[in-house]
Amino acid sequence: FPEVGFIFHPRTWGQGIGYEAMSAFTAH
């Protein structure tokens, strides 16, 4: 804490997955 990081499989890029996941995580 407090540094966040993320990595996603390239096949998911451009689908809003990162935003959806990180929105939920930051709220958490």
PDB file of all heavy atoms in Angstrom:
ATOM      1  N   PHE A   1       0.832  -1.192   0.000  1.00  0.00           N
ATOM      2  CA  PHE A   1       0.000   0.000   0.000  1.00  0.00           C
ATOM      3  C   PHE A   1       0.867   1.242   0.000  1.00  0.00           C
ATOM      4  O   PHE A   1       1.874   1.290   0.676  1.00  0.00           O
ATOM      5  CB  PHE A   1      -0.943   0.018   1.218  1.00  0.00           C
ATOM      6  CG  PHE A   1      -2.267  -0.620   0.934  1.00  0.00           C
ATOM      7  CD1 PHE A   1      -2.543  -1.888   1.386  1.00  0.00           C
ATOM      8  CD2 PHE A   1      -3.224   0.045   0.186  1.00  0.00           C
ATOM      9  CE1 PHE A   1      -3.762  -2.496   1.105  1.00  0.00           C
ATOM     10  CE2 PHE A   1      -4.443  -0.545  -0.092  1.00  0.00           C
ATOM     11  CZ  PHE A   1      -4.709  -1.823   0.365  1.00  0.00           C
ATOM     12  N   PRO A   2       0.478   2.233  -0.799  1.00  0.00           N
ATOM     13  CA  PRO A   2      -0.771   2.399  -1.550  1.00  0.00           C
ATOM     14  C   PRO A   2      -0.636   2.149  -3.059  1.00  0.00           C
ATOM     15  O   PRO A   2      -1.500   2.540  -3.824  1.00  0.00           O
ATOM     16  CB  PRO A   2      -1.108   3.869  -1.288  1.00  0.00           C
ATOM     17  CG  PRO A   2       0.233   4.551  -1.286  1.00  0.00           C
ATOM     18  CD  PRO A   2       1.174   3.539  -0.652  1.00  0.00           C
ATOM     19  N   GLU A   3       0.449   1.486  -3.530  1.00  0.00           N
ATOM     20  CA  GLU A   3       0.700   1.393  -4.972  1.00  0.00           C
ATOM     21  C   GLU A   3      -0.048   0.238  -5.629  1.00  0.00           C
ATOM     22  O   GLU A   3       0.139  -0.922  -5.275  1.00  0.00           O
ATOM     23  CB  GLU A   3       2.191   1.253  -5.258  1.00  0.00           C
ATOM     24  CG  GLU A   3       2.495   1.349  -6.730  1.00  0.00           C
ATOM     25  CD  GLU A   3       3.968   1.392  -7.050  1.00  0.00           C
ATOM     26  OE1 GLU A   3       4.777   1.671  -6.160  1.00  0.00           O
ATOM     27  OE2 GLU A   3       4.300   1.134  -8.218  1.00  0.00           O
ATOM     28  N   VAL A   4      -0.872   0.582  -6.617  1.00  0.00           N
ATOM     29  CA  VAL A   4      -1.650  -0.413  -7.348  1.00  0.00           C
ATOM     30  C   VAL A   4      -0.924  -0.816  -8.632  1.00  0.00           C
ATOM     31  O   VAL A   4      -0.109  -0.062  -9.164  1.00  0.00           O
ATOM     32  CB  VAL A   4      -3.067   0.099  -7.706  1.00  0.00           C
ATOM     33  CG1 VAL A   4      -3.861   0.416  -6.459  1.00  0.00           C
ATOM     34  CG2 VAL A   4      -3.025   1.287  -8.632  1.00  0.00           C
ATOM     35  N   GLY A   5      -1.257  -1.989  -9.104  1.00  0.00           N
ATOM     36  CA  GLY A   5      -0.739  -2.477 -10.370  1.00  0.00           C
ATOM     37  C   GLY A   5      -1.705  -3.478 -10.972  1.00  0.00           C
ATOM     38  O   GLY A   5      -2.540  -4.056 -10.266  1.00  0.00           O
ATOM     39  N   PHE A   6      -1.596  -3.685 -12.262  1.00  0.00           N
ATOM     40  CA  PHE A   6      -2.485  -4.621 -12.936  1.00  0.00           C
ATOM     41  C   PHE A   6      -1.829  -5.116 -14.213  1.00  0.00           C
ATOM     42  O   PHE A   6      -0.972  -4.446 -14.795  1.00  0.00           O
ATOM     43  CB  PHE A   6      -3.845  -3.984 -13.254  1.00  0.00           C
ATOM     44  CG  PHE A   6      -3.759  -2.664 -13.956  1.00  0.00           C
ATOM     45  CD1 PHE A   6      -3.663  -2.587 -15.338  1.00  0.00           C
ATOM     46  CD2 PHE A   6      -3.765  -1.480 -13.233  1.00  0.00           C
ATOM     47  CE1 PHE A   6      -3.575  -1.359 -15.985  1.00  0.00           C
ATOM     48  CE2 PHE A   6      -3.691  -0.246 -13.869  1.00  0.00           C
ATOM     49  CZ  PHE A   6      -3.597  -0.188 -15.245  1.00  0.00           C
ATOM     50  N   ILE A   7      -2.233  -6.307 -14.630  1.00  0.00           N
ATOM     51  CA  ILE A   7      -1.814  -6.866 -15.910  1.00  0.00           C
ATOM     52  C   ILE A   7      -2.941  -7.767 -16.392  1.00  0.00           C
ATOM     53  O   ILE A   7      -3.544  -8.500 -15.601  1.00  0.00           O
ATOM     54  CB  ILE A   7      -0.467  -7.625 -15.782  1.00  0.00           C
ATOM     55  CG1 ILE A   7       0.075  -8.021 -17.151  1.00  0.00           C
ATOM     56  CG2 ILE A   7      -0.587  -8.816 -14.840  1.00  0.00           C
ATOM     57  CD1 ILE A   7       1.526  -8.501 -17.134  1.00  0.00           C
ATOM     58  N   PHE A   8      -3.237  -7.676 -17.688  1.00  0.00           N
ATOM     59  CA  PHE A   8      -4.311  -8.462 -18.285  1.00  0.00           C
ATOM     60  C   PHE A   8      -3.810  -9.138 -19.552  1.00  0.00           C
ATOM     61  O   PHE A   8      -2.905  -8.625 -20.226  1.00  0.00           O
ATOM     62  CB  PHE A   8      -5.513  -7.565 -18.624  1.00  0.00           C
ATOM     63  CG  PHE A   8      -6.180  -7.004 -17.407  1.00  0.00           C
ATOM     64  CD1 PHE A   8      -5.860  -5.741 -16.940  1.00  0.00           C
ATOM     65  CD2 PHE A   8      -7.114  -7.746 -16.715  1.00  0.00           C
ATOM     66  CE1 PHE A   8      -6.456  -5.219 -15.810  1.00  0.00           C
ATOM     67  CE2 PHE A   8      -7.726  -7.241 -15.577  1.00  0.00           C
ATOM     68  CZ  PHE A   8      -7.390  -5.977 -15.126  1.00  0.00           C
ATOM     69  N   HIS A   9      -4.409 -10.258 -19.866  1.00  0.00           N
ATOM     70  CA  HIS A   9      -4.060 -10.962 -21.098  1.00  0.00           C
ATOM     71  C   HIS A   9      -4.386 -10.056 -22.287  1.00  0.00           C
ATOM     72  O   HIS A   9      -5.448  -9.425 -22.315  1.00  0.00           O
ATOM     73  CB  HIS A   9      -4.845 -12.268 -21.197  1.00  0.00           C
ATOM     74  CG  HIS A   9      -4.266 -13.197 -22.213  1.00  0.00           C
ATOM     75  ND1 HIS A   9      -4.374 -12.968 -23.570  1.00  0.00           N
ATOM     76  CD2 HIS A   9      -3.547 -14.334 -22.075  1.00  0.00           C
ATOM     77  CE1 HIS A   9      -3.767 -13.936 -24.228  1.00  0.00           C
ATOM     78  NE2 HIS A   9      -3.247 -14.775 -23.348  1.00  0.00           N
ATOM     79  N   PRO A  10      -3.486  -9.979 -23.274  1.00  0.00           N
ATOM     80  CA  PRO A  10      -3.738  -9.110 -24.436  1.00  0.00           C
ATOM     81  C   PRO A  10      -5.062  -9.371 -25.153  1.00  0.00           C
ATOM     82  O   PRO A  10      -5.635  -8.452 -25.727  1.00  0.00           O
ATOM     83  CB  PRO A  10      -2.540  -9.381 -25.353  1.00  0.00           C
ATOM     84  CG  PRO A  10      -1.439  -9.762 -24.414  1.00  0.00           C
ATOM     85  CD  PRO A  10      -2.126 -10.556 -23.320  1.00  0.00           C
ATOM     86  N   ARG A  11      -5.576 -10.594 -25.099  1.00  0.00           N
ATOM     87  CA  ARG A  11      -6.845 -10.871 -25.792  1.00  0.00           C
ATOM     88  C   ARG A  11      -8.018 -10.108 -25.173  1.00  0.00           C
ATOM     89  O   ARG A  11      -9.072  -9.993 -25.784  1.00  0.00           O
ATOM     90  CB  ARG A  11      -7.131 -12.366 -25.852  1.00  0.00           C
ATOM     91  CG  ARG A  11      -7.609 -12.968 -24.551  1.00  0.00           C
ATOM     92  CD  ARG A  11      -8.061 -14.431 -24.719  1.00  0.00           C
ATOM     93  NE  ARG A  11      -8.480 -14.974 -23.464  1.00  0.00           N
ATOM     94  CZ  ARG A  11      -7.696 -15.581 -22.581  1.00  0.00           C
ATOM     95  NH1 ARG A  11      -6.423 -15.765 -22.846  1.00  0.00           N
ATOM     96  NH2 ARG A  11      -8.180 -16.036 -21.444  1.00  0.00           N
ATOM     97  N   THR A  12      -7.822  -9.564 -23.967  1.00  0.00           N
ATOM     98  CA  THR A  12      -8.904  -8.826 -23.295  1.00  0.00           C
ATOM     99  C   THR A  12      -8.798  -7.319 -23.489  1.00  0.00           C
ATOM    100  O   THR A  12      -9.712  -6.591 -23.113  1.00  0.00           O
ATOM    101  CB  THR A  12      -8.906  -9.109 -21.780  1.00  0.00           C
ATOM    102  OG1 THR A  12      -7.733  -8.529 -21.186  1.00  0.00           O
ATOM    103  CG2 THR A  12      -8.951 -10.598 -21.492  1.00  0.00           C
ATOM    104  N   TRP A  13      -7.709  -6.858 -24.059  1.00  0.00           N
ATOM    105  CA  TRP A  13      -7.481  -5.426 -24.188  1.00  0.00           C
ATOM    106  C   TRP A  13      -8.565  -4.775 -25.050  1.00  0.00           C
ATOM    107  O   TRP A  13      -9.051  -5.351 -26.018  1.00  0.00           O
ATOM    108  CB  TRP A  13      -6.118  -5.147 -24.803  1.00  0.00           C
ATOM    109  CG  TRP A  13      -4.956  -5.574 -23.935  1.00  0.00           C
ATOM    110  CD1 TRP A  13      -4.994  -6.030 -22.648  1.00  0.00           C
ATOM    111  CD2 TRP A  13      -3.577  -5.595 -24.312  1.00  0.00           C
ATOM    112  NE1 TRP A  13      -3.726  -6.321 -22.201  1.00  0.00           N
ATOM    113  CE2 TRP A  13      -2.835  -6.064 -23.203  1.00  0.00           C
ATOM    114  CE3 TRP A  13      -2.907  -5.261 -25.474  1.00  0.00           C
ATOM    115  CZ2 TRP A  13      -1.454  -6.206 -23.231  1.00  0.00           C
ATOM    116  CZ3 TRP A  13      -1.526  -5.402 -25.506  1.00  0.00           C
ATOM    117  CH2 TRP A  13      -0.810  -5.871 -24.393  1.00  0.00           C
ATOM    118  N   GLY A  14      -8.933  -3.568 -24.698  1.00  0.00           N
ATOM    119  CA  GLY A  14      -9.899  -2.800 -25.475  1.00  0.00           C
ATOM    120  C   GLY A  14     -11.346  -3.170 -25.228  1.00  0.00           C
ATOM    121  O   GLY A  14     -12.232  -2.698 -25.945  1.00  0.00           O
ATOM    122  N   GLN A  15     -11.621  -3.992 -24.209  1.00  0.00           N
ATOM    123  CA  GLN A  15     -12.987  -4.428 -23.919  1.00  0.00           C
ATOM    124  C   GLN A  15     -13.555  -3.819 -22.642  1.00  0.00           C
ATOM    125  O   GLN A  15     -14.640  -4.203 -22.205  1.00  0.00           O
ATOM    126  CB  GLN A  15     -13.026  -5.957 -23.794  1.00  0.00           C
ATOM    127  CG  GLN A  15     -12.583  -6.684 -25.034  1.00  0.00           C
ATOM    128  CD  GLN A  15     -12.521  -8.188 -24.818  1.00  0.00           C
ATOM    129  OE1 GLN A  15     -13.243  -8.750 -24.002  1.00  0.00           O
ATOM    130  NE2 GLN A  15     -11.638  -8.852 -25.542  1.00  0.00           N
ATOM    131  N   GLY A  16     -12.820  -2.911 -22.008  1.00  0.00           N
ATOM    132  CA  GLY A  16     -13.295  -2.309 -20.762  1.00  0.00           C
ATOM    133  C   GLY A  16     -13.085  -3.173 -19.536  1.00  0.00           C
ATOM    134  O   GLY A  16     -13.551  -2.836 -18.446  1.00  0.00           O
ATOM    135  N   ILE A  17     -12.381  -4.278 -19.707  1.00  0.00           N
ATOM    136  CA  ILE A  17     -12.134  -5.211 -18.592  1.00  0.00           C
ATOM    137  C   ILE A  17     -11.302  -4.534 -17.502  1.00  0.00           C
ATOM    138  O   ILE A  17     -11.614  -4.634 -16.312  1.00  0.00           O
ATOM    139  CB  ILE A  17     -11.402  -6.476 -19.100  1.00  0.00           C
ATOM    140  CG1 ILE A  17     -12.250  -7.211 -20.123  1.00  0.00           C
ATOM    141  CG2 ILE A  17     -10.955  -7.358 -17.946  1.00  0.00           C
ATOM    142  CD1 ILE A  17     -13.316  -8.093 -19.605  1.00  0.00           C
ATOM    143  N   GLY A  18     -10.234  -3.869 -17.897  1.00  0.00           N
ATOM    144  CA  GLY A  18      -9.367  -3.214 -16.918  1.00  0.00           C
ATOM    145  C   GLY A  18     -10.124  -2.165 -16.121  1.00  0.00           C
ATOM    146  O   GLY A  18      -9.983  -2.084 -14.897  1.00  0.00           O
ATOM    147  N   TYR A  19     -10.925  -1.372 -16.799  1.00  0.00           N
ATOM    148  CA  TYR A  19     -11.695  -0.336 -16.118  1.00  0.00           C
ATOM    149  C   TYR A  19     -12.692  -0.964 -15.144  1.00  0.00           C
ATOM    150  O   TYR A  19     -12.818  -0.521 -13.993  1.00  0.00           O
ATOM    151  CB  TYR A  19     -12.411   0.556 -17.126  1.00  0.00           C
ATOM    152  CG  TYR A  19     -13.199   1.653 -16.461  1.00  0.00           C
ATOM    153  CD1 TYR A  19     -12.550   2.791 -15.979  1.00  0.00           C
ATOM    154  CD2 TYR A  19     -14.566   1.544 -16.273  1.00  0.00           C
ATOM    155  CE1 TYR A  19     -13.261   3.796 -15.339  1.00  0.00           C
ATOM    156  CE2 TYR A  19     -15.283   2.545 -15.639  1.00  0.00           C
ATOM    157  CZ  TYR A  19     -14.625   3.662 -15.168  1.00  0.00           C
ATOM    158  OH  TYR A  19     -15.331   4.650 -14.523  1.00  0.00           O
ATOM    159  N   GLU A  20     -13.386  -1.988 -15.576  1.00  0.00           N
ATOM    160  CA  GLU A  20     -14.371  -2.653 -14.719  1.00  0.00           C
ATOM    161  C   GLU A  20     -13.705  -3.256 -13.481  1.00  0.00           C
ATOM    162  O   GLU A  20     -14.174  -3.073 -12.355  1.00  0.00           O
ATOM    163  CB  GLU A  20     -15.092  -3.743 -15.528  1.00  0.00           C
ATOM    164  CG  GLU A  20     -16.193  -4.441 -14.776  1.00  0.00           C
ATOM    165  CD  GLU A  20     -16.962  -5.425 -15.641  1.00  0.00           C
ATOM    166  OE1 GLU A  20     -17.033  -5.232 -16.881  1.00  0.00           O
ATOM    167  OE2 GLU A  20     -17.499  -6.403 -15.082  1.00  0.00           O
ATOM    168  N   ALA A  21     -12.597  -3.947 -13.700  1.00  0.00           N
ATOM    169  CA  ALA A  21     -11.895  -4.589 -12.582  1.00  0.00           C
ATOM    170  C   ALA A  21     -11.303  -3.556 -11.630  1.00  0.00           C
ATOM    171  O   ALA A  21     -11.446  -3.665 -10.405  1.00  0.00           O
ATOM    172  CB  ALA A  21     -10.800  -5.510 -13.124  1.00  0.00           C
ATOM    173  N   MET A  22     -10.645  -2.548 -12.182  1.00  0.00           N
ATOM    174  CA  MET A  22      -9.993  -1.549 -11.330  1.00  0.00           C
ATOM    175  C   MET A  22     -11.009  -0.654 -10.623  1.00  0.00           C
ATOM    176  O   MET A  22     -10.756  -0.197  -9.508  1.00  0.00           O
ATOM    177  CB  MET A  22      -9.005  -0.720 -12.146  1.00  0.00           C
ATOM    178  CG  MET A  22      -7.717  -1.468 -12.469  1.00  0.00           C
ATOM    179  SD  MET A  22      -6.762  -1.918 -10.997  1.00  0.00           S
ATOM    180  CE  MET A  22      -6.288  -0.295 -10.398  1.00  0.00           C
ATOM    181  N   SER A  23     -12.147  -0.394 -11.229  1.00  0.00           N
ATOM    182  CA  SER A  23     -13.194   0.382 -10.547  1.00  0.00           C
ATOM    183  C   SER A  23     -13.648  -0.346  -9.291  1.00  0.00           C
ATOM    184  O   SER A  23     -13.774   0.260  -8.217  1.00  0.00           O
ATOM    185  CB  SER A  23     -14.395   0.612 -11.470  1.00  0.00           C
ATOM    186  OG  SER A  23     -14.063   1.456 -12.528  1.00  0.00           O
ATOM    187  N   ALA A  24     -13.901  -1.638  -9.433  1.00  0.00           N
ATOM    188  CA  ALA A  24     -14.324  -2.438  -8.274  1.00  0.00           C
ATOM    189  C   ALA A  24     -13.212  -2.518  -7.238  1.00  0.00           C
ATOM    190  O   ALA A  24     -13.465  -2.421  -6.031  1.00  0.00           O
ATOM    191  CB  ALA A  24     -14.735  -3.835  -8.732  1.00  0.00           C
ATOM    192  N   PHE A  25     -11.979  -2.670  -7.703  1.00  0.00           N
ATOM    193  CA  PHE A  25     -10.859  -2.796  -6.771  1.00  0.00           C
ATOM    194  C   PHE A  25     -10.608  -1.490  -6.013  1.00  0.00           C
ATOM    195  O   PHE A  25     -10.374  -1.508  -4.799  1.00  0.00           O
ATOM    196  CB  PHE A  25      -9.588  -3.247  -7.500  1.00  0.00           C
ATOM    197  CG  PHE A  25      -8.422  -3.366  -6.572  1.00  0.00           C
ATOM    198  CD1 PHE A  25      -8.374  -4.375  -5.627  1.00  0.00           C
ATOM    199  CD2 PHE A  25      -7.387  -2.456  -6.629  1.00  0.00           C
ATOM    200  CE1 PHE A  25      -7.308  -4.475  -4.740  1.00  0.00           C
ATOM    201  CE2 PHE A  25      -6.321  -2.540  -5.755  1.00  0.00           C
ATOM    202  CZ  PHE A  25      -6.274  -3.558  -4.807  1.00  0.00           C
ATOM    203  N   THR A  26     -10.648  -0.355  -6.689  1.00  0.00           N
ATOM    204  CA  THR A  26     -10.408   0.904  -5.984  1.00  0.00           C
ATOM    205  C   THR A  26     -11.508   1.159  -4.951  1.00  0.00           C
ATOM    206  O   THR A  26     -11.221   1.623  -3.842  1.00  0.00           O
ATOM    207  CB  THR A  26     -10.259   2.104  -6.940  1.00  0.00           C
ATOM    208  OG1 THR A  26     -11.421   2.218  -7.748  1.00  0.00           O
ATOM    209  CG2 THR A  26      -9.034   1.965  -7.814  1.00  0.00           C
ATOM    210  N   ALA A  27     -12.753   0.837  -5.272  1.00  0.00           N
ATOM    211  CA  ALA A  27     -13.841   0.968  -4.293  1.00  0.00           C
ATOM    212  C   ALA A  27     -13.570   0.072  -3.088  1.00  0.00           C
ATOM    213  O   ALA A  27     -13.771   0.482  -1.935  1.00  0.00           O
ATOM    214  CB  ALA A  27     -15.183   0.629  -4.943  1.00  0.00           C
ATOM    215  N   HIS A  28     -13.098  -1.132  -3.342  1.00  0.00           N
ATOM    216  CA  HIS A  28     -12.742  -2.071  -2.264  1.00  0.00           C
ATOM    217  C   HIS A  28     -11.646  -1.471  -1.383  1.00  0.00           C
ATOM    218  O   HIS A  28     -11.729  -1.520  -0.157  1.00  0.00           O
ATOM    219  CB  HIS A  28     -12.287  -3.396  -2.885  1.00  0.00           C
ATOM    220  CG  HIS A  28     -11.502  -4.275  -1.997  1.00  0.00           C
ATOM    221  ND1 HIS A  28     -12.075  -5.041  -1.002  1.00  0.00           N
ATOM    222  CD2 HIS A  28     -10.167  -4.512  -1.942  1.00  0.00           C
ATOM    223  CE1 HIS A  28     -11.121  -5.715  -0.377  1.00  0.00           C
ATOM    224  NE2 HIS A  28      -9.962  -5.414  -0.925  1.00  0.00           N
TER     225      HIS A  28
END
